[in-house]
């Protein structure tokens, strides 16, 4: 399960306690949870965020840098935080099938993440052409309207069971 974390939770410093409580109440293992923090949230609170993220990692929680490439994109911060994955912002994906510049930017992000041992998730996939191009480039995961629009919680089990585009990126 992936959960977006707001900058408020980082600033107040209570995200680790809230997360541990939620895991205890739900019976979910930390290994089944991914917290997504935007690049700007991490950078604006880099020292606090790093300590909190290190604490969360001790519980097996996976961490993702969301909207990568839209903020500071500092290599020094990226190598210092204990993130497991990078989510490429949709603004880069929109240009992937229109021109070489879009492909080149995505390739740079993919290579950077892979060199740091991170998996890569592309956001905002709207066409099969985009999905196939990302697969060709070696992107690990993809999300977007091509796969599903927003759905209600009670519809999730059926959607997972059917997985209409499972083979597209496998």
Protein backbone atom coordinates (compact mmCIF):
# COMPACT_ATOMS: atom_id res chain seq x y z
CA UNK A 1 0.00 0.00 0.00
CA UNK A 2 1.33 3.45 -0.90
CA UNK A 3 0.43 6.53 1.13
CA UNK A 4 1.24 10.16 0.36
CA UNK A 5 2.77 12.06 3.27
CA UNK A 6 2.19 15.79 3.66
CA UNK A 7 4.84 18.29 4.64
CA UNK A 8 2.80 19.00 7.80
CA UNK A 9 3.49 15.49 9.06
CA UNK A 10 7.22 15.99 8.49
CA UNK A 11 7.33 19.44 10.10
CA UNK A 12 5.45 18.32 13.22
CA UNK A 13 7.65 15.25 13.40
CA UNK A 14 4.78 12.92 14.21
CA UNK A 15 4.70 10.84 11.01
CA UNK A 16 6.82 8.04 12.49
CA UNK A 17 4.53 7.67 15.53
CA UNK A 18 1.37 7.91 13.41
CA UNK A 19 2.72 5.29 11.02
CA UNK A 20 3.74 2.89 13.79
CA UNK A 21 0.29 3.28 15.39
CA UNK A 22 -1.49 2.68 12.08
CA UNK A 23 0.59 -0.44 11.42
CA UNK A 24 -0.15 -1.78 14.90
CA UNK A 25 -3.89 -1.13 14.59
CA UNK A 26 -4.15 -2.62 11.10
CA UNK A 27 -1.85 -5.57 11.67
CA UNK A 28 -0.07 -4.62 8.44
CA UNK A 29 3.66 -5.27 8.26
CA UNK A 30 5.89 -2.30 7.53
CA UNK A 31 7.18 -4.24 4.53
CA UNK A 32 3.75 -3.80 2.93
CA UNK A 33 3.79 -0.02 3.23
CA UNK A 34 5.36 2.62 1.00
CA UNK A 35 5.33 6.25 2.08
CA UNK A 36 5.57 8.82 -0.69
CA UNK A 37 7.04 12.23 0.05
CA UNK A 38 7.37 14.96 -2.54
CA UNK A 39 10.85 16.06 -3.46
CA UNK A 40 10.12 19.60 -2.23
CA UNK A 41 8.84 18.34 1.15
CA UNK A 42 12.07 16.44 1.74
CA UNK A 43 14.27 19.34 0.65
CA UNK A 44 12.45 22.00 2.64
CA UNK A 45 12.90 19.93 5.79
CA UNK A 46 15.98 17.92 4.82
CA UNK A 47 17.59 17.36 8.24
CA UNK A 48 14.31 16.59 10.01
CA UNK A 49 13.08 14.48 7.10
CA UNK A 50 16.27 12.41 6.92
CA UNK A 51 16.06 11.44 10.60
CA UNK A 52 12.36 10.62 10.38
CA UNK A 53 12.87 8.58 7.22
CA UNK A 54 15.72 6.63 8.81
CA UNK A 55 13.40 5.87 11.74
CA UNK A 56 10.66 4.65 9.39
CA UNK A 57 13.11 2.44 7.51
CA UNK A 58 13.88 0.55 10.73
CA UNK A 59 10.27 -0.70 10.58
CA UNK A 60 10.70 -2.07 7.07
CA UNK A 61 8.73 0.74 5.47
CA UNK A 62 9.59 1.57 1.87
CA UNK A 63 10.08 5.22 0.92
CA UNK A 64 9.53 6.97 -2.41
CA UNK A 65 10.50 10.43 -3.64
CA UNK A 66 7.34 11.65 -5.38
CA UNK A 67 7.18 14.20 -8.23
CA UNK A 68 10.89 13.78 -8.86
CA UNK A 69 12.39 16.38 -11.15
CA UNK A 70 9.93 19.16 -10.37
CA UNK A 71 11.73 20.60 -7.36
CA UNK A 72 15.34 20.87 -6.35
CA UNK A 73 16.66 17.63 -7.86
CA UNK A 74 19.85 17.86 -5.84
CA UNK A 75 22.12 14.86 -6.20
CA UNK A 76 23.57 15.41 -2.74
CA UNK A 77 20.19 15.17 -1.01
CA UNK A 78 19.12 12.22 -3.11
CA UNK A 79 22.17 10.22 -2.09
CA UNK A 80 21.65 11.12 1.61
CA UNK A 81 18.02 10.12 2.04
CA UNK A 82 17.08 6.48 2.56
CA UNK A 83 14.61 6.30 -0.34
CA UNK A 84 13.89 3.05 -2.16
CA UNK A 85 12.29 4.51 -5.25
CA UNK A 86 11.81 7.62 -7.35
CA UNK A 87 8.52 8.56 -8.96
CA UNK A 88 9.07 10.42 -12.22
CA UNK A 89 6.67 13.33 -12.44
CA UNK A 90 4.04 13.16 -15.14
CA UNK A 91 5.34 16.37 -16.76
CA UNK A 92 8.29 14.34 -18.07
CA UNK A 93 6.09 11.45 -19.21
CA UNK A 94 3.79 13.69 -21.25
CA UNK A 95 6.69 14.48 -23.61
CA UNK A 96 8.06 10.97 -23.90
CA UNK A 97 6.35 10.13 -27.18
CA UNK A 98 6.54 13.61 -28.73
CA UNK A 99 10.24 14.32 -28.87
CA UNK A 100 13.74 13.13 -28.09
CA UNK A 101 14.09 15.62 -25.24
CA UNK A 102 11.34 13.88 -23.26
CA UNK A 103 12.98 10.50 -23.79
CA UNK A 104 16.39 11.90 -22.85
CA UNK A 105 15.11 13.41 -19.59
CA UNK A 106 13.39 10.19 -18.56
CA UNK A 107 16.54 8.24 -19.44
CA UNK A 108 18.66 10.50 -17.23
CA UNK A 109 16.30 10.00 -14.29
CA UNK A 110 16.18 6.23 -14.86
CA UNK A 111 19.97 5.97 -14.98
CA UNK A 112 20.38 8.13 -11.88
CA UNK A 113 17.90 6.08 -9.88
CA UNK A 114 19.35 2.79 -11.01
CA UNK A 115 22.89 3.93 -10.12
CA UNK A 116 21.61 4.67 -6.60
CA UNK A 117 19.92 1.27 -6.38
CA UNK A 118 16.41 2.72 -6.51
CA UNK A 119 13.41 1.46 -8.41
CA UNK A 120 11.58 3.85 -10.70
CA UNK A 121 7.85 4.50 -11.00
CA UNK A 122 6.56 6.66 -13.85
CA UNK A 123 3.47 8.75 -13.06
CA UNK A 124 0.79 9.96 -15.42
CA UNK A 125 0.76 7.20 -18.02
CA UNK A 126 -2.17 7.91 -20.33
CA UNK A 127 -1.37 5.96 -23.50
CA UNK A 128 -0.12 2.51 -24.40
CA UNK A 129 2.61 4.21 -26.45
CA UNK A 130 3.94 5.91 -23.30
CA UNK A 131 3.80 2.65 -21.35
CA UNK A 132 5.62 0.73 -24.06
CA UNK A 133 8.30 3.42 -24.38
CA UNK A 134 8.87 3.34 -20.62
CA UNK A 135 9.15 -0.44 -20.72
CA UNK A 136 11.69 -0.14 -23.54
CA UNK A 137 13.70 2.36 -21.48
CA UNK A 138 13.73 -0.01 -18.48
CA UNK A 139 11.27 1.70 -16.14
CA UNK A 140 10.27 -0.64 -13.30
CA UNK A 141 6.68 0.45 -12.61
CA UNK A 142 4.02 2.75 -14.03
CA UNK A 143 0.81 4.36 -12.86
CA UNK A 144 -1.77 6.55 -14.47
CA UNK A 145 -5.17 6.79 -16.11
CA UNK A 146 -4.18 4.15 -18.68
CA UNK A 147 -4.41 1.62 -15.87
CA UNK A 148 -7.27 3.08 -13.85
CA UNK A 149 -9.05 6.27 -12.93
CA UNK A 150 -9.58 6.94 -9.23
CA UNK A 151 -11.86 4.32 -7.73
CA UNK A 152 -13.64 3.75 -4.44
CA UNK A 153 -11.91 1.62 -1.80
CA UNK A 154 -14.41 -1.22 -2.10
CA UNK A 155 -13.63 -1.51 -5.84
CA UNK A 156 -9.90 -2.11 -5.32
CA UNK A 157 -9.99 -5.90 -4.77
CA UNK A 158 -11.85 -6.46 -8.05
CA UNK A 159 -9.49 -4.15 -9.93
CA UNK A 160 -6.44 -5.96 -8.58
CA UNK A 161 -7.98 -9.30 -9.50
CA UNK A 162 -8.63 -8.23 -13.12
CA UNK A 163 -5.40 -6.22 -13.73
CA UNK A 164 -6.27 -5.20 -17.31
CA UNK A 165 -2.74 -4.05 -18.23
CA UNK A 166 -0.79 -6.59 -16.24
CA UNK A 167 1.05 -7.96 -19.29
CA UNK A 168 1.78 -4.56 -20.82
CA UNK A 169 4.69 -3.79 -18.51
CA UNK A 170 5.52 -7.32 -17.29
